Amino acid sequence: MSTQTASSASKAAAAKKEVAHFLGEMFSFNSCLKLIHWSVTGPGSYAAHMALDQAGHTLRDATDSLVETTIASLGDLDIVVPETKKPANYVKYIEGFYDHVEGNRHLFNEQFTQSIFDDYQEGVKQLLYRLKRLQ
């Protein structure tokens, strides 16, 4: 194997590992939303409860599509789900995760995966709108 071929294979393996790590983070975030959904109380809690439930469905579907199409493109992935958090300030956490998602857009180059990525981000933005405005 030439040095150039070995280097390309090494870069491809590193990219797959980075994608798998990020997909695990997405899964963990989706689970985090369910933990928040179960624990939200107080004024506006019904609206937040419903918004979190709706977002959970949307984001799980988008994540599933993204994982499946990525596996079809890259092959098997070693996805590990990190510890799921339950933040006290969940709106701030969701905003931060939206930025984190945007920062990882470069991992998905195909137009169809970008479309799925857009659906995921739209789901997060819709959730933020509902949590902030619909109480």
N, C-alpha and C. Protein backbone atom coordinates (compact mmCIF):
# COMPACT_ATOMS: atom_id res chain seq x y z
N MET A 1 0.85 -1.17 0.00
CA MET A 1 0.00 0.00 0.00
C MET A 1 0.90 1.24 0.00
N SER A 2 0.59 2.17 -0.85
CA SER A 2 1.40 3.38 -0.93
C SER A 2 1.14 4.28 0.28
N THR A 3 2.05 5.21 0.51
CA THR A 3 1.90 6.15 1.62
C THR A 3 0.66 7.00 1.43
N GLN A 4 0.39 7.38 0.20
CA GLN A 4 -0.78 8.21 -0.09
C GLN A 4 -2.07 7.42 0.18
N THR A 5 -2.11 6.16 -0.19
CA THR A 5 -3.29 5.32 0.04
C THR A 5 -3.50 5.11 1.55
N ALA A 6 -2.41 4.87 2.27
CA ALA A 6 -2.50 4.68 3.72
C ALA A 6 -3.00 5.95 4.39
N SER A 7 -2.50 7.09 3.94
CA SER A 7 -2.93 8.36 4.51
C SER A 7 -4.41 8.61 4.24
N SER A 8 -4.88 8.30 3.05
CA SER A 8 -6.30 8.46 2.71
C SER A 8 -7.17 7.54 3.55
N ALA A 9 -6.72 6.31 3.75
CA ALA A 9 -7.47 5.36 4.57
C ALA A 9 -7.52 5.83 6.01
N SER A 10 -6.42 6.37 6.50
CA SER A 10 -6.37 6.88 7.87
C SER A 10 -7.30 8.08 8.05
N LYS A 11 -7.33 8.97 7.07
CA LYS A 11 -8.23 10.12 7.12
C LYS A 11 -9.69 9.68 7.07
N ALA A 12 -10.00 8.70 6.24
CA ALA A 12 -11.37 8.19 6.14
C ALA A 12 -11.81 7.55 7.46
N ALA A 13 -10.91 6.81 8.10
CA ALA A 13 -11.24 6.18 9.38
C ALA A 13 -11.46 7.24 10.45
N ALA A 14 -10.64 8.28 10.45
CA ALA A 14 -10.80 9.37 11.42
C ALA A 14 -12.11 10.11 11.20
N ALA A 15 -12.47 10.32 9.94
CA ALA A 15 -13.73 11.00 9.62
C ALA A 15 -14.93 10.16 10.07
N LYS A 16 -14.86 8.84 9.85
CA LYS A 16 -15.94 7.95 10.30
C LYS A 16 -16.08 8.00 11.81
N LYS A 17 -14.96 8.03 12.50
CA LYS A 17 -14.98 8.08 13.97
C LYS A 17 -15.61 9.40 14.44
N GLU A 18 -15.28 10.50 13.80
CA GLU A 18 -15.83 11.80 14.16
C GLU A 18 -17.34 11.84 13.90
N VAL A 19 -17.77 11.30 12.77
CA VAL A 19 -19.20 11.23 12.45
C VAL A 19 -19.92 10.37 13.47
N ALA A 20 -19.38 9.21 13.80
CA ALA A 20 -20.01 8.31 14.76
C ALA A 20 -20.14 8.99 16.13
N HIS A 21 -19.10 9.70 16.54
CA HIS A 21 -19.14 10.41 17.82
C HIS A 21 -20.26 11.46 17.82
N PHE A 22 -20.33 12.22 16.76
CA PHE A 22 -21.36 13.26 16.67
C PHE A 22 -22.77 12.66 16.65
N LEU A 23 -22.97 11.58 15.94
CA LEU A 23 -24.29 10.94 15.91
C LEU A 23 -24.67 10.43 17.30
N GLY A 24 -23.71 9.94 18.06
CA GLY A 24 -23.97 9.55 19.45
C GLY A 24 -24.39 10.75 20.29
N GLU A 25 -23.76 11.90 20.05
CA GLU A 25 -24.15 13.13 20.76
C GLU A 25 -25.58 13.53 20.42
N MET A 26 -25.95 13.38 19.16
CA MET A 26 -27.32 13.71 18.76
C MET A 26 -28.32 12.80 19.49
N PHE A 27 -28.02 11.53 19.55
CA PHE A 27 -28.90 10.58 20.23
C PHE A 27 -29.03 10.95 21.71
N SER A 28 -27.92 11.30 22.34
CA SER A 28 -27.93 11.69 23.74
C SER A 28 -28.76 12.96 23.95
N PHE A 29 -28.62 13.92 23.06
CA PHE A 29 -29.41 15.16 23.14
C PHE A 29 -30.90 14.84 23.04
N ASN A 30 -31.26 13.97 22.11
CA ASN A 30 -32.67 13.59 21.96
C ASN A 30 -33.19 12.96 23.26
N SER A 31 -32.37 12.14 23.90
CA SER A 31 -32.76 11.54 25.17
C SER A 31 -32.87 12.59 26.27
N CYS A 32 -31.99 13.57 26.23
CA CYS A 32 -32.03 14.68 27.18
C CYS A 32 -33.39 15.39 27.11
N LEU A 33 -33.88 15.59 25.89
CA LEU A 33 -35.18 16.25 25.74
C LEU A 33 -36.28 15.46 26.42
N LYS A 34 -36.20 14.14 26.38
CA LYS A 34 -37.21 13.31 27.05
C LYS A 34 -37.10 13.46 28.57
N LEU A 35 -35.89 13.53 29.10
CA LEU A 35 -35.73 13.74 30.54
C LEU A 35 -36.33 15.08 30.96
N ILE A 36 -36.10 16.11 30.16
CA ILE A 36 -36.68 17.43 30.45
C ILE A 36 -38.20 17.34 30.36
N HIS A 37 -38.69 16.69 29.32
CA HIS A 37 -40.13 16.51 29.10
C HIS A 37 -40.80 15.91 30.33
N TRP A 38 -40.18 14.92 30.93
CA TRP A 38 -40.76 14.24 32.08
C TRP A 38 -40.71 15.08 33.35
N SER A 39 -39.80 16.04 33.41
CA SER A 39 -39.59 16.75 34.67
C SER A 39 -40.07 18.20 34.68
N VAL A 40 -40.50 18.72 33.55
CA VAL A 40 -40.89 20.13 33.50
C VAL A 40 -42.15 20.37 34.34
N THR A 41 -42.12 21.44 35.14
CA THR A 41 -43.26 21.79 36.01
C THR A 41 -43.42 23.30 36.04
N GLY A 42 -44.50 23.75 36.64
CA GLY A 42 -44.71 25.18 36.87
C GLY A 42 -45.47 25.85 35.75
N PRO A 43 -45.53 27.19 35.81
CA PRO A 43 -46.27 27.94 34.78
C PRO A 43 -45.71 27.66 33.39
N GLY A 44 -46.59 27.41 32.47
CA GLY A 44 -46.19 27.12 31.09
C GLY A 44 -45.69 25.71 30.89
N SER A 45 -45.79 24.87 31.91
CA SER A 45 -45.21 23.53 31.81
C SER A 45 -45.94 22.66 30.80
N TYR A 46 -47.26 22.85 30.65
CA TYR A 46 -47.97 22.02 29.68
C TYR A 46 -47.50 22.33 28.27
N ALA A 47 -47.34 23.62 27.96
CA ALA A 47 -46.85 24.00 26.63
C ALA A 47 -45.44 23.47 26.40
N ALA A 48 -44.59 23.58 27.42
CA ALA A 48 -43.22 23.07 27.30
C ALA A 48 -43.23 21.56 27.15
N HIS A 49 -44.07 20.90 27.93
CA HIS A 49 -44.20 19.45 27.87
C HIS A 49 -44.57 19.00 26.46
N MET A 50 -45.55 19.66 25.88
CA MET A 50 -46.00 19.30 24.53
C MET A 50 -44.94 19.65 23.48
N ALA A 51 -44.29 20.80 23.62
CA ALA A 51 -43.25 21.20 22.66
C ALA A 51 -42.08 20.21 22.68
N LEU A 52 -41.68 19.79 23.87
CA LEU A 52 -40.59 18.83 24.00
C LEU A 52 -40.96 17.47 23.42
N ASP A 53 -42.20 17.06 23.62
CA ASP A 53 -42.67 15.79 23.07
C ASP A 53 -42.67 15.83 21.55
N GLN A 54 -43.20 16.90 20.98
CA GLN A 54 -43.24 17.03 19.52
C GLN A 54 -41.82 17.07 18.94
N ALA A 55 -40.95 17.84 19.57
CA ALA A 55 -39.57 17.93 19.09
C ALA A 55 -38.87 16.58 19.19
N GLY A 56 -39.16 15.86 20.26
CA GLY A 56 -38.55 14.54 20.41
C GLY A 56 -38.85 13.63 19.24
N HIS A 57 -40.09 13.62 18.82
CA HIS A 57 -40.47 12.78 17.66
C HIS A 57 -39.75 13.24 16.40
N THR A 58 -39.78 14.54 16.16
CA THR A 58 -39.15 15.09 14.96
C THR A 58 -37.66 14.80 14.93
N LEU A 59 -36.99 15.03 16.04
CA LEU A 59 -35.53 14.86 16.09
C LEU A 59 -35.12 13.40 16.06
N ARG A 60 -35.89 12.52 16.68
CA ARG A 60 -35.59 11.09 16.60
C ARG A 60 -35.70 10.60 15.15
N ASP A 61 -36.75 11.04 14.44
CA ASP A 61 -36.91 10.62 13.04
C ASP A 61 -35.76 11.14 12.18
N ALA A 62 -35.39 12.40 12.38
CA ALA A 62 -34.29 12.97 11.59
C ALA A 62 -32.97 12.28 11.92
N THR A 63 -32.74 12.00 13.19
CA THR A 63 -31.52 11.30 13.60
C THR A 63 -31.46 9.91 12.97
N ASP A 64 -32.56 9.21 13.02
CA ASP A 64 -32.62 7.87 12.43
C ASP A 64 -32.30 7.91 10.94
N SER A 65 -32.89 8.85 10.23
CA SER A 65 -32.61 8.99 8.79
C SER A 65 -31.15 9.34 8.54
N LEU A 66 -30.61 10.24 9.35
CA LEU A 66 -29.22 10.64 9.18
C LEU A 66 -28.27 9.48 9.45
N VAL A 67 -28.53 8.72 10.49
CA VAL A 67 -27.68 7.56 10.80
C VAL A 67 -27.76 6.54 9.68
N GLU A 68 -28.96 6.21 9.24
CA GLU A 68 -29.12 5.18 8.21
C GLU A 68 -28.48 5.59 6.88
N THR A 69 -28.67 6.84 6.46
CA THR A 69 -28.07 7.27 5.19
C THR A 69 -26.56 7.39 5.32
N THR A 70 -26.08 7.73 6.50
CA THR A 70 -24.63 7.82 6.70
C THR A 70 -24.00 6.43 6.67
N ILE A 71 -24.67 5.47 7.28
CA ILE A 71 -24.17 4.09 7.21
C ILE A 71 -24.17 3.60 5.77
N ALA A 72 -25.20 3.96 5.01
CA ALA A 72 -25.25 3.57 3.60
C ALA A 72 -24.09 4.17 2.83
N SER A 73 -23.67 5.37 3.20
CA SER A 73 -22.57 6.05 2.50
C SER A 73 -21.19 5.63 2.99
N LEU A 74 -21.02 5.51 4.32
CA LEU A 74 -19.69 5.27 4.89
C LEU A 74 -19.44 3.85 5.34
N GLY A 75 -20.49 3.07 5.49
CA GLY A 75 -20.35 1.74 6.04
C GLY A 75 -20.68 1.76 7.53
N ASP A 76 -20.48 0.63 8.18
CA ASP A 76 -20.81 0.52 9.60
C ASP A 76 -20.09 1.58 10.41
N LEU A 77 -20.78 2.08 11.43
CA LEU A 77 -20.23 3.09 12.33
C LEU A 77 -20.26 2.56 13.75
N ASP A 78 -19.24 2.89 14.52
CA ASP A 78 -19.19 2.51 15.94
C ASP A 78 -19.73 3.69 16.75
N ILE A 79 -21.06 3.76 16.85
CA ILE A 79 -21.72 4.86 17.55
C ILE A 79 -21.83 4.52 19.02
N VAL A 80 -21.31 5.42 19.84
CA VAL A 80 -21.39 5.28 21.29
C VAL A 80 -22.15 6.50 21.80
N VAL A 81 -23.13 6.26 22.65
CA VAL A 81 -23.94 7.35 23.17
C VAL A 81 -23.33 7.84 24.49
N PRO A 82 -22.93 9.12 24.53
CA PRO A 82 -22.37 9.64 25.77
C PRO A 82 -23.44 9.81 26.84
N GLU A 83 -23.00 10.11 28.06
CA GLU A 83 -23.93 10.31 29.16
C GLU A 83 -24.97 11.37 28.80
N THR A 84 -26.21 11.09 29.12
CA THR A 84 -27.30 12.01 28.86
C THR A 84 -27.41 12.99 30.01
N LYS A 85 -27.44 14.27 29.67
CA LYS A 85 -27.53 15.32 30.69
C LYS A 85 -28.97 15.74 30.89
N LYS A 86 -29.23 16.32 32.05
CA LYS A 86 -30.52 16.95 32.33
C LYS A 86 -30.20 18.33 32.90
N PRO A 87 -30.00 19.30 32.03
CA PRO A 87 -29.55 20.62 32.49
C PRO A 87 -30.64 21.39 33.22
N ALA A 88 -30.22 22.23 34.16
CA ALA A 88 -31.17 23.07 34.89
C ALA A 88 -31.76 24.14 33.97
N ASN A 89 -30.91 24.78 33.18
CA ASN A 89 -31.37 25.79 32.23
C ASN A 89 -31.45 25.13 30.85
N TYR A 90 -32.57 24.46 30.62
CA TYR A 90 -32.66 23.66 29.40
C TYR A 90 -32.75 24.50 28.13
N VAL A 91 -33.31 25.70 28.18
CA VAL A 91 -33.36 26.54 26.97
C VAL A 91 -31.95 26.90 26.54
N LYS A 92 -31.11 27.31 27.48
CA LYS A 92 -29.73 27.65 27.16
C LYS A 92 -28.98 26.42 26.61
N TYR A 93 -29.22 25.26 27.20
CA TYR A 93 -28.59 24.03 26.74
C TYR A 93 -29.01 23.70 25.31
N ILE A 94 -30.29 23.85 25.02
CA ILE A 94 -30.80 23.57 23.67
C ILE A 94 -30.20 24.55 22.67
N GLU A 95 -30.11 25.81 23.04
CA GLU A 95 -29.48 26.81 22.16
C GLU A 95 -28.03 26.43 21.88
N GLY A 96 -27.31 26.02 22.91
CA GLY A 96 -25.92 25.61 22.75
C GLY A 96 -25.77 24.39 21.86
N PHE A 97 -26.71 23.46 22.00
CA PHE A 97 -26.63 22.26 21.16
C PHE A 97 -26.92 22.60 19.71
N TYR A 98 -27.84 23.53 19.48
CA TYR A 98 -28.10 23.98 18.10
C TYR A 98 -26.79 24.48 17.47
N ASP A 99 -26.05 25.30 18.20
CA ASP A 99 -24.76 25.81 17.69
C ASP A 99 -23.77 24.67 17.47
N HIS A 100 -23.78 23.70 18.37
CA HIS A 100 -22.89 22.54 18.23
C HIS A 100 -23.23 21.76 16.95
N VAL A 101 -24.51 21.59 16.69
CA VAL A 101 -24.95 20.90 15.47
C VAL A 101 -24.45 21.67 14.25
N GLU A 102 -24.65 22.97 14.24
CA GLU A 102 -24.22 23.78 13.10
C GLU A 102 -22.71 23.65 12.89
N GLY A 103 -21.97 23.59 13.96
CA GLY A 103 -20.52 23.45 13.87
C GLY A 103 -20.06 22.10 13.32
N ASN A 104 -20.96 21.14 13.25
CA ASN A 104 -20.61 19.82 12.72
C ASN A 104 -21.25 19.52 11.38
N ARG A 105 -21.84 20.51 10.77
CA ARG A 105 -22.47 20.35 9.46
C ARG A 105 -21.48 19.82 8.42
N HIS A 106 -20.23 20.23 8.55
CA HIS A 106 -19.21 19.84 7.58
C HIS A 106 -19.00 18.31 7.49
N LEU A 107 -19.47 17.58 8.50
CA LEU A 107 -19.30 16.13 8.50
C LEU A 107 -20.17 15.43 7.47
N PHE A 108 -21.17 16.12 6.96
CA PHE A 108 -22.14 15.52 6.05
C PHE A 108 -22.11 16.30 4.74
N ASN A 109 -21.50 15.70 3.72
CA ASN A 109 -21.24 16.42 2.47
C ASN A 109 -22.30 16.28 1.41
N GLU A 110 -23.04 15.19 1.45
CA GLU A 110 -24.02 14.95 0.39
C GLU A 110 -25.21 15.88 0.55
N GLN A 111 -25.81 16.23 -0.57
CA GLN A 111 -26.96 17.13 -0.54
C GLN A 111 -28.13 16.54 0.24
N PHE A 112 -28.36 15.24 0.09
CA PHE A 112 -29.48 14.62 0.81
C PHE A 112 -29.24 14.58 2.31
N THR A 113 -27.97 14.39 2.74
CA THR A 113 -27.72 14.41 4.18
C THR A 113 -27.81 15.83 4.72
N GLN A 114 -27.44 16.80 3.92
CA GLN A 114 -27.61 18.21 4.33
C GLN A 114 -29.09 18.52 4.53
N SER A 115 -29.93 17.95 3.69
CA SER A 115 -31.38 18.15 3.82
C SER A 115 -31.90 17.56 5.13
N ILE A 116 -31.44 16.37 5.47
CA ILE A 116 -31.84 15.74 6.74
C ILE A 116 -31.31 16.58 7.90
N PHE A 117 -30.09 17.05 7.77
CA PHE A 117 -29.48 17.92 8.77
C PHE A 117 -30.33 19.17 8.97
N ASP A 118 -30.80 19.75 7.86
CA ASP A 118 -31.68 20.93 7.92
C ASP A 118 -32.96 20.61 8.68
N ASP A 119 -33.53 19.44 8.44
CA ASP A 119 -34.75 19.03 9.16
C ASP A 119 -34.48 18.96 10.66
N TYR A 120 -33.33 18.43 11.03
CA TYR A 120 -32.98 18.32 12.44
C TYR A 120 -32.88 19.72 13.06
N GLN A 121 -32.14 20.59 12.40
CA GLN A 121 -31.96 21.94 12.93
C GLN A 121 -33.28 22.70 12.97
N GLU A 122 -34.12 22.51 11.98
CA GLU A 122 -35.43 23.15 12.00
C GLU A 122 -36.23 22.68 13.22
N GLY A 123 -36.15 21.39 13.52
CA GLY A 123 -36.84 20.85 14.69
C GLY A 123 -36.36 21.50 15.98
N VAL A 124 -35.06 21.73 16.09
CA VAL A 124 -34.51 22.38 17.28
C VAL A 124 -34.98 23.84 17.35
N LYS A 125 -34.94 24.54 16.22
CA LYS A 125 -35.39 25.94 16.21
C LYS A 125 -36.88 26.05 16.53
N GLN A 126 -37.70 25.14 16.01
CA GLN A 126 -39.12 25.15 16.32
C GLN A 126 -39.33 24.91 17.81
N LEU A 127 -38.55 24.01 18.39
CA LEU A 127 -38.63 23.76 19.83
C LEU A 127 -38.31 25.03 20.60
N LEU A 128 -37.23 25.70 20.23
CA LEU A 128 -36.85 26.93 20.92
C LEU A 128 -37.95 28.00 20.80
N TYR A 129 -38.53 28.13 19.63
CA TYR A 129 -39.63 29.06 19.45
C TYR A 129 -40.78 28.75 20.41
N ARG A 130 -41.16 27.50 20.46
CA ARG A 130 -42.28 27.10 21.30
C ARG A 130 -41.97 27.28 22.79
N LEU A 131 -40.76 26.95 23.19
CA LEU A 131 -40.39 27.08 24.60
C LEU A 131 -40.34 28.54 25.03
N LYS A 132 -39.89 29.41 24.15
CA LYS A 132 -39.72 30.82 24.50
C LYS A 132 -41.00 31.63 24.33
N ARG A 133 -41.84 31.26 23.37
CA ARG A 133 -42.97 32.12 23.01
C ARG A 133 -44.33 31.59 23.40
N LEU A 134 -44.48 30.30 23.52
CA LEU A 134 -45.82 29.71 23.70
C LEU A 134 -45.97 29.16 25.10
N GLN A 135 -46.23 30.03 26.03
CA GLN A 135 -46.38 29.59 27.40
C GLN A 135 -47.82 29.74 27.81
